[in-house]
Amino acid sequence: MRRIVSASYLVLASMLLPVAAWADVAGKVTSVAGSAEVQSGGAGPWKALSVDEAVSVGDHLRTTEGGRVSVAYRDGSAITLEPNTELIIDDQALPSGGPPVSLFSLNRGKLDVAVPKGLYEAQGARFEVKTTTAVAGVRGTRFTIEAE
């Protein structure tokens, strides 16, 4: 009987792992030019990014001289990292029935950002890009932000 119960827990755990992994996915790489890398969860080695690769909450993204990467996020926004840029995906929550929240930290470099109109207009909704000296919060627009 114990073996059956243990086996049942293993099967259940293996079914839930893909769901848990998907829950943290924030977006997908749509284009890469030159060198662009990701540090998963902000720790460990940097690895090259490729088109259609998923990026997750907590990931650090960076480009080098001449590098550029574009990411389409689950909320419909799109961010392009220009050369010599480092961005952290701090949070992305799209709760059903609740306001969406997308938070990013720009450590250095330049971003081109497009945010869908209408999605971030509800009370409590937040789309923010933070730098060491400022926070840009928007409702739905296209903007460029730069940090040294």
N, C-alpha and C. Protein backbone atom coordinates (compact mmCIF):
# COMPACT_ATOMS: atom_id res chain seq x y z
N MET A 1 0.82 -1.20 0.00
CA MET A 1 0.00 0.00 0.00
C MET A 1 0.87 1.26 0.00
N ARG A 2 1.96 1.25 0.79
CA ARG A 2 2.84 2.42 0.84
C ARG A 2 3.46 2.71 -0.52
N ARG A 3 3.79 1.64 -1.25
CA ARG A 3 4.40 1.83 -2.57
C ARG A 3 3.42 2.50 -3.53
N ILE A 4 2.16 2.14 -3.44
CA ILE A 4 1.14 2.74 -4.30
C ILE A 4 0.98 4.22 -3.98
N VAL A 5 0.92 4.55 -2.68
CA VAL A 5 0.78 5.94 -2.26
C VAL A 5 2.01 6.74 -2.70
N SER A 6 3.21 6.19 -2.50
CA SER A 6 4.44 6.88 -2.91
C SER A 6 4.47 7.10 -4.41
N ALA A 7 4.08 6.10 -5.16
CA ALA A 7 4.05 6.22 -6.61
C ALA A 7 3.04 7.28 -7.04
N SER A 8 1.91 7.35 -6.34
CA SER A 8 0.90 8.36 -6.67
C SER A 8 1.43 9.76 -6.45
N TYR A 9 2.17 9.97 -5.36
CA TYR A 9 2.77 11.28 -5.12
C TYR A 9 3.78 11.65 -6.18
N LEU A 10 4.57 10.68 -6.64
CA LEU A 10 5.55 10.95 -7.69
C LEU A 10 4.87 11.36 -9.00
N VAL A 11 3.82 10.65 -9.34
CA VAL A 11 3.08 10.98 -10.57
C VAL A 11 2.48 12.37 -10.45
N LEU A 12 1.87 12.68 -9.31
CA LEU A 12 1.27 13.99 -9.10
C LEU A 12 2.33 15.09 -9.17
N ALA A 13 3.46 14.89 -8.52
CA ALA A 13 4.54 15.88 -8.53
C ALA A 13 5.06 16.10 -9.94
N SER A 14 5.21 15.05 -10.72
CA SER A 14 5.72 15.20 -12.08
C SER A 14 4.73 15.94 -12.97
N MET A 15 3.44 15.83 -12.68
CA MET A 15 2.43 16.55 -13.46
C MET A 15 2.43 18.03 -13.10
N LEU A 16 2.74 18.37 -11.86
CA LEU A 16 2.70 19.76 -11.42
C LEU A 16 3.95 20.54 -11.79
N LEU A 17 5.08 19.89 -11.98
CA LEU A 17 6.32 20.60 -12.29
C LEU A 17 6.22 21.47 -13.54
N PRO A 18 5.69 20.98 -14.65
CA PRO A 18 5.58 21.85 -15.82
C PRO A 18 4.68 23.06 -15.57
N VAL A 19 3.63 22.90 -14.77
CA VAL A 19 2.73 24.01 -14.45
C VAL A 19 3.47 25.05 -13.64
N ALA A 20 4.24 24.62 -12.63
CA ALA A 20 5.00 25.55 -11.80
C ALA A 20 6.03 26.28 -12.63
N ALA A 21 6.70 25.59 -13.53
CA ALA A 21 7.71 26.23 -14.37
C ALA A 21 7.07 27.27 -15.29
N TRP A 22 5.91 26.97 -15.86
CA TRP A 22 5.22 27.90 -16.76
C TRP A 22 4.75 29.14 -16.02
N ALA A 23 4.42 29.02 -14.74
CA ALA A 23 3.89 30.15 -13.98
C ALA A 23 4.86 31.32 -13.93
N ASP A 24 6.17 31.07 -13.97
CA ASP A 24 7.16 32.13 -13.87
C ASP A 24 7.60 32.67 -15.22
N VAL A 25 7.17 32.05 -16.31
CA VAL A 25 7.57 32.53 -17.63
C VAL A 25 6.95 33.90 -17.87
N ALA A 26 7.82 34.87 -18.21
CA ALA A 26 7.34 36.24 -18.41
C ALA A 26 7.17 36.57 -19.89
N GLY A 27 7.98 35.97 -20.75
CA GLY A 27 7.90 36.29 -22.16
C GLY A 27 8.77 35.39 -23.01
N LYS A 28 8.88 35.78 -24.28
CA LYS A 28 9.62 34.97 -25.25
C LYS A 28 10.46 35.89 -26.13
N VAL A 29 11.69 35.47 -26.40
CA VAL A 29 12.60 36.22 -27.25
C VAL A 29 12.07 36.19 -28.69
N THR A 30 11.95 37.36 -29.30
CA THR A 30 11.43 37.43 -30.68
C THR A 30 12.53 37.73 -31.70
N SER A 31 13.62 38.36 -31.27
CA SER A 31 14.74 38.58 -32.19
C SER A 31 16.02 38.80 -31.40
N VAL A 32 17.11 38.37 -32.01
CA VAL A 32 18.45 38.54 -31.43
C VAL A 32 19.38 38.99 -32.54
N ALA A 33 20.15 40.04 -32.27
CA ALA A 33 21.19 40.48 -33.20
C ALA A 33 22.46 40.66 -32.39
N GLY A 34 23.55 40.11 -32.84
CA GLY A 34 24.79 40.19 -32.08
C GLY A 34 24.71 39.33 -30.84
N SER A 35 25.33 39.79 -29.75
CA SER A 35 25.40 39.00 -28.53
C SER A 35 24.37 39.46 -27.51
N ALA A 36 23.52 38.52 -27.07
CA ALA A 36 22.53 38.75 -26.01
C ALA A 36 22.52 37.53 -25.12
N GLU A 37 22.50 37.75 -23.80
CA GLU A 37 22.62 36.65 -22.85
C GLU A 37 21.59 36.76 -21.74
N VAL A 38 21.38 35.61 -21.07
CA VAL A 38 20.48 35.55 -19.91
C VAL A 38 21.22 34.87 -18.76
N GLN A 39 20.96 35.38 -17.57
CA GLN A 39 21.42 34.74 -16.34
C GLN A 39 20.16 34.33 -15.60
N SER A 40 19.84 33.05 -15.62
CA SER A 40 18.58 32.56 -15.06
C SER A 40 18.50 32.82 -13.57
N GLY A 41 17.43 33.49 -13.17
CA GLY A 41 17.22 33.79 -11.76
C GLY A 41 18.23 34.75 -11.18
N GLY A 42 19.06 35.36 -12.02
CA GLY A 42 20.04 36.31 -11.54
C GLY A 42 21.26 35.67 -10.89
N ALA A 43 21.45 34.37 -11.10
CA ALA A 43 22.59 33.67 -10.51
C ALA A 43 23.14 32.66 -11.51
N GLY A 44 24.39 32.32 -11.32
CA GLY A 44 24.99 31.31 -12.19
C GLY A 44 25.57 31.92 -13.45
N PRO A 45 25.91 31.06 -14.39
CA PRO A 45 26.57 31.53 -15.61
C PRO A 45 25.59 32.22 -16.56
N TRP A 46 26.15 33.10 -17.40
CA TRP A 46 25.39 33.73 -18.47
C TRP A 46 25.38 32.78 -19.65
N LYS A 47 24.24 32.68 -20.36
CA LYS A 47 24.18 31.86 -21.56
C LYS A 47 23.51 32.63 -22.68
N ALA A 48 23.90 32.30 -23.90
CA ALA A 48 23.39 33.01 -25.08
C ALA A 48 21.88 32.83 -25.21
N LEU A 49 21.20 33.90 -25.59
CA LEU A 49 19.76 33.86 -25.86
C LEU A 49 19.53 33.53 -27.32
N SER A 50 18.42 32.84 -27.59
CA SER A 50 18.06 32.55 -28.97
C SER A 50 16.57 32.84 -29.17
N VAL A 51 16.18 33.02 -30.41
CA VAL A 51 14.79 33.30 -30.76
C VAL A 51 13.90 32.16 -30.27
N ASP A 52 12.73 32.51 -29.75
CA ASP A 52 11.71 31.61 -29.20
C ASP A 52 12.05 31.08 -27.81
N GLU A 53 13.16 31.51 -27.23
CA GLU A 53 13.51 31.08 -25.88
C GLU A 53 12.67 31.84 -24.87
N ALA A 54 12.20 31.15 -23.84
CA ALA A 54 11.41 31.77 -22.78
C ALA A 54 12.34 32.49 -21.79
N VAL A 55 11.86 33.62 -21.27
CA VAL A 55 12.53 34.31 -20.18
C VAL A 55 11.55 34.38 -19.01
N SER A 56 12.10 34.38 -17.80
CA SER A 56 11.27 34.25 -16.61
C SER A 56 11.48 35.38 -15.63
N VAL A 57 10.56 35.51 -14.70
CA VAL A 57 10.69 36.46 -13.60
C VAL A 57 11.97 36.12 -12.85
N GLY A 58 12.76 37.15 -12.58
CA GLY A 58 14.03 36.97 -11.88
C GLY A 58 15.23 36.88 -12.80
N ASP A 59 15.00 36.66 -14.09
CA ASP A 59 16.11 36.57 -15.04
C ASP A 59 16.75 37.93 -15.26
N HIS A 60 18.06 37.90 -15.51
CA HIS A 60 18.81 39.09 -15.92
C HIS A 60 19.13 38.92 -17.39
N LEU A 61 18.85 39.94 -18.19
CA LEU A 61 19.16 39.92 -19.62
C LEU A 61 20.21 40.98 -19.89
N ARG A 62 21.14 40.68 -20.81
CA ARG A 62 22.13 41.69 -21.17
C ARG A 62 22.54 41.56 -22.62
N THR A 63 22.95 42.70 -23.16
CA THR A 63 23.50 42.74 -24.51
C THR A 63 24.90 43.33 -24.40
N THR A 64 25.74 43.01 -25.38
CA THR A 64 27.08 43.56 -25.43
C THR A 64 27.15 44.59 -26.55
N GLU A 65 28.33 45.13 -26.78
CA GLU A 65 28.53 46.10 -27.86
C GLU A 65 28.02 45.51 -29.17
N GLY A 66 27.11 46.20 -29.82
CA GLY A 66 26.55 45.73 -31.09
C GLY A 66 25.42 44.72 -30.94
N GLY A 67 25.11 44.31 -29.71
CA GLY A 67 24.05 43.32 -29.49
C GLY A 67 22.70 43.98 -29.28
N ARG A 68 21.66 43.24 -29.59
CA ARG A 68 20.29 43.73 -29.43
C ARG A 68 19.39 42.51 -29.27
N VAL A 69 18.41 42.60 -28.38
CA VAL A 69 17.45 41.50 -28.20
C VAL A 69 16.07 42.10 -27.94
N SER A 70 15.04 41.49 -28.54
CA SER A 70 13.66 41.90 -28.32
C SER A 70 12.90 40.77 -27.67
N VAL A 71 12.06 41.14 -26.68
CA VAL A 71 11.26 40.15 -25.96
C VAL A 71 9.80 40.59 -25.98
N ALA A 72 8.92 39.66 -26.33
CA ALA A 72 7.48 39.88 -26.25
C ALA A 72 7.00 39.26 -24.94
N TYR A 73 6.35 40.06 -24.12
CA TYR A 73 5.91 39.60 -22.80
C TYR A 73 4.46 39.13 -22.84
N ARG A 74 4.07 38.35 -21.84
CA ARG A 74 2.73 37.76 -21.79
C ARG A 74 1.62 38.80 -21.78
N ASP A 75 1.90 40.00 -21.30
CA ASP A 75 0.87 41.03 -21.23
C ASP A 75 0.68 41.76 -22.55
N GLY A 76 1.49 41.41 -23.56
CA GLY A 76 1.39 42.07 -24.86
C GLY A 76 2.41 43.18 -25.04
N SER A 77 3.17 43.50 -23.99
CA SER A 77 4.21 44.52 -24.12
C SER A 77 5.42 43.92 -24.83
N ALA A 78 6.29 44.79 -25.31
CA ALA A 78 7.52 44.36 -25.97
C ALA A 78 8.64 45.29 -25.54
N ILE A 79 9.79 44.70 -25.23
CA ILE A 79 10.96 45.48 -24.82
C ILE A 79 12.15 45.06 -25.67
N THR A 80 12.83 46.05 -26.24
CA THR A 80 14.06 45.80 -26.98
C THR A 80 15.22 46.38 -26.17
N LEU A 81 16.20 45.53 -25.86
CA LEU A 81 17.42 45.97 -25.20
C LEU A 81 18.40 46.39 -26.29
N GLU A 82 18.85 47.63 -26.23
CA GLU A 82 19.83 48.15 -27.17
C GLU A 82 21.23 47.66 -26.75
N PRO A 83 22.27 47.96 -27.52
CA PRO A 83 23.62 47.51 -27.16
C PRO A 83 24.05 47.98 -25.77
N ASN A 84 24.83 47.13 -25.08
CA ASN A 84 25.39 47.42 -23.75
C ASN A 84 24.31 47.72 -22.71
N THR A 85 23.31 46.87 -22.66
CA THR A 85 22.17 47.06 -21.75
C THR A 85 22.03 45.85 -20.84
N GLU A 86 21.62 46.10 -19.59
CA GLU A 86 21.29 45.02 -18.66
C GLU A 86 19.95 45.31 -18.01
N LEU A 87 19.05 44.34 -18.08
CA LEU A 87 17.68 44.47 -17.58
C LEU A 87 17.35 43.28 -16.68
N ILE A 88 16.64 43.55 -15.59
CA ILE A 88 16.16 42.49 -14.69
C ILE A 88 14.63 42.44 -14.81
N ILE A 89 14.09 41.24 -14.97
CA ILE A 89 12.63 41.05 -14.95
C ILE A 89 12.25 40.82 -13.49
N ASP A 90 11.78 41.87 -12.82
CA ASP A 90 11.48 41.79 -11.39
C ASP A 90 10.17 41.07 -11.10
N ASP A 91 9.15 41.34 -11.91
CA ASP A 91 7.85 40.72 -11.65
C ASP A 91 6.98 40.86 -12.89
N GLN A 92 6.12 39.89 -13.08
CA GLN A 92 5.05 40.01 -14.07
C GLN A 92 3.91 39.13 -13.59
N ALA A 93 2.85 39.77 -13.18
CA ALA A 93 1.68 39.07 -12.67
C ALA A 93 0.46 39.51 -13.47
N LEU A 94 -0.24 38.54 -14.00
CA LEU A 94 -1.46 38.80 -14.77
C LEU A 94 -2.60 38.00 -14.17
N PRO A 95 -3.01 38.36 -12.95
CA PRO A 95 -4.04 37.57 -12.28
C PRO A 95 -5.40 37.75 -12.94
N SER A 96 -6.16 36.67 -13.02
CA SER A 96 -7.51 36.79 -13.57
C SER A 96 -8.35 37.54 -12.54
N GLY A 97 -8.99 38.59 -12.97
CA GLY A 97 -9.83 39.38 -12.08
C GLY A 97 -9.07 40.43 -11.29
N GLY A 98 -7.75 40.48 -11.43
CA GLY A 98 -6.96 41.48 -10.70
C GLY A 98 -6.16 42.33 -11.65
N PRO A 99 -5.59 43.42 -11.13
CA PRO A 99 -4.81 44.30 -12.00
C PRO A 99 -3.47 43.68 -12.37
N PRO A 100 -3.02 43.89 -13.60
CA PRO A 100 -1.72 43.37 -14.02
C PRO A 100 -0.58 44.19 -13.43
N VAL A 101 0.56 43.52 -13.20
CA VAL A 101 1.75 44.19 -12.69
C VAL A 101 2.95 43.67 -13.47
N SER A 102 3.72 44.59 -14.06
CA SER A 102 4.97 44.25 -14.74
C SER A 102 6.03 45.22 -14.25
N LEU A 103 7.10 44.67 -13.63
CA LEU A 103 8.14 45.49 -13.03
C LEU A 103 9.50 45.06 -13.57
N PHE A 104 10.30 46.04 -13.97
CA PHE A 104 11.62 45.79 -14.54
C PHE A 104 12.62 46.74 -13.90
N SER A 105 13.89 46.33 -13.84
CA SER A 105 14.98 47.20 -13.39
C SER A 105 16.00 47.31 -14.51
N LEU A 106 16.29 48.53 -14.91
CA LEU A 106 17.30 48.80 -15.93
C LEU A 106 18.59 49.19 -15.21
N ASN A 107 19.56 48.29 -15.20
CA ASN A 107 20.83 48.57 -14.53
C ASN A 107 21.71 49.51 -15.33
N ARG A 108 21.73 49.33 -16.64
CA ARG A 108 22.50 50.20 -17.53
C ARG A 108 21.99 50.00 -18.94
N GLY A 109 22.23 51.02 -19.77
CA GLY A 109 21.88 50.90 -21.17
C GLY A 109 20.60 51.60 -21.55
N LYS A 110 20.00 51.11 -22.64
CA LYS A 110 18.84 51.77 -23.23
C LYS A 110 17.81 50.73 -23.66
N LEU A 111 16.54 51.04 -23.39
CA LEU A 111 15.42 50.18 -23.76
C LEU A 111 14.47 50.93 -24.68
N ASP A 112 13.87 50.19 -25.60
CA ASP A 112 12.74 50.68 -26.38
C ASP A 112 11.55 49.84 -25.92
N VAL A 113 10.52 50.48 -25.37
CA VAL A 113 9.42 49.77 -24.72
C VAL A 113 8.09 50.14 -25.38
N ALA A 114 7.27 49.13 -25.64
CA ALA A 114 5.91 49.34 -26.15
C ALA A 114 4.94 48.63 -25.20
N VAL A 115 4.01 49.40 -24.65
CA VAL A 115 3.04 48.87 -23.68
C VAL A 115 1.65 49.00 -24.30
N PRO A 116 0.86 47.90 -24.29
CA PRO A 116 -0.47 47.97 -24.91
C PRO A 116 -1.41 48.94 -24.18
N LYS A 117 -2.15 49.69 -24.96
CA LYS A 117 -3.11 50.64 -24.38
C LYS A 117 -4.27 49.88 -23.74
N GLY A 118 -4.75 50.42 -22.63
CA GLY A 118 -5.93 49.86 -21.98
C GLY A 118 -5.64 48.85 -20.88
N LEU A 119 -4.59 48.08 -21.01
CA LEU A 119 -4.33 47.00 -20.04
C LEU A 119 -3.94 47.53 -18.67
N TYR A 120 -3.19 48.61 -18.62
CA TYR A 120 -2.67 49.12 -17.34
C TYR A 120 -3.43 50.34 -16.84
N GLU A 121 -4.68 50.48 -17.21
CA GLU A 121 -5.48 51.62 -16.77
C GLU A 121 -6.29 51.35 -15.51
N ALA A 122 -6.44 50.10 -15.14
CA ALA A 122 -7.24 49.76 -13.95
C ALA A 122 -6.50 50.18 -12.68
N GLN A 123 -7.27 50.45 -11.64
CA GLN A 123 -6.68 50.81 -10.35
C GLN A 123 -5.79 49.67 -9.87
N GLY A 124 -4.58 49.99 -9.45
CA GLY A 124 -3.64 48.99 -8.96
C GLY A 124 -2.75 48.39 -10.04
N ALA A 125 -3.07 48.65 -11.30
CA ALA A 125 -2.25 48.14 -12.40
C ALA A 125 -0.95 48.93 -12.46
N ARG A 126 0.16 48.22 -12.73
CA ARG A 126 1.47 48.90 -12.75
C ARG A 126 2.36 48.31 -13.84
N PHE A 127 2.90 49.17 -14.66
CA PHE A 127 3.98 48.82 -15.58
C PHE A 127 5.08 49.82 -15.30
N GLU A 128 6.20 49.33 -14.72
CA GLU A 128 7.26 50.23 -14.29
C GLU A 128 8.62 49.73 -14.73
N VAL A 129 9.47 50.69 -15.11
CA VAL A 129 10.88 50.43 -15.36
C VAL A 129 11.64 51.31 -14.40
N LYS A 130 12.43 50.68 -13.53
CA LYS A 130 13.17 51.38 -12.49
C LYS A 130 14.64 51.49 -12.89
N THR A 131 15.24 52.66 -12.66
CA THR A 131 16.68 52.84 -12.80
C THR A 131 17.20 53.25 -11.41
N THR A 132 18.50 53.51 -11.32
CA THR A 132 19.05 53.91 -10.03
C THR A 132 18.58 55.30 -9.60
N THR A 133 18.10 56.10 -10.54
CA THR A 133 17.69 57.47 -10.20
C THR A 133 16.22 57.78 -10.46
N ALA A 134 15.48 56.90 -11.11
CA ALA A 134 14.08 57.23 -11.44
C ALA A 134 13.26 55.96 -11.66
N VAL A 135 11.94 56.14 -11.64
CA VAL A 135 11.01 55.08 -11.99
C VAL A 135 10.06 55.63 -13.04
N ALA A 136 9.96 54.93 -14.18
CA ALA A 136 9.00 55.31 -15.21
C ALA A 136 7.80 54.39 -15.09
N GLY A 137 6.64 54.95 -14.84
CA GLY A 137 5.41 54.19 -14.78
C GLY A 137 4.50 54.65 -15.90
N VAL A 138 3.95 53.71 -16.66
CA VAL A 138 3.12 54.09 -17.81
C VAL A 138 1.81 53.32 -17.81
N ARG A 139 0.87 53.80 -18.59
CA ARG A 139 -0.44 53.16 -18.74
C ARG A 139 -0.58 52.45 -20.08
N GLY A 140 0.02 52.97 -21.10
CA GLY A 140 -0.07 52.39 -22.44
C GLY A 140 0.55 53.35 -23.44
N THR A 141 1.74 53.04 -23.86
CA THR A 141 2.46 53.96 -24.74
C THR A 141 3.71 53.27 -25.26
N ARG A 142 4.46 54.01 -26.03
CA ARG A 142 5.78 53.57 -26.49
C ARG A 142 6.77 54.59 -25.97
N PHE A 143 7.87 54.12 -25.35
CA PHE A 143 8.85 55.05 -24.82
C PHE A 143 10.25 54.43 -24.83
N THR A 144 11.24 55.31 -24.69
CA THR A 144 12.63 54.90 -24.59
C THR A 144 13.14 55.39 -23.25
N ILE A 145 13.92 54.54 -22.57
CA ILE A 145 14.51 54.92 -21.30
C ILE A 145 15.97 54.51 -21.30
N GLU A 146 16.81 55.35 -20.69
CA GLU A 146 18.25 55.09 -20.70
C GLU A 146 18.82 55.30 -19.31
N ALA A 147 19.78 54.45 -18.92
CA ALA A 147 20.46 54.56 -17.62
C ALA A 147 21.94 54.32 -17.82
N GLU A 148 22.74 55.07 -17.06
CA GLU A 148 24.19 54.90 -17.14
C GLU A 148 24.69 54.13 -15.94
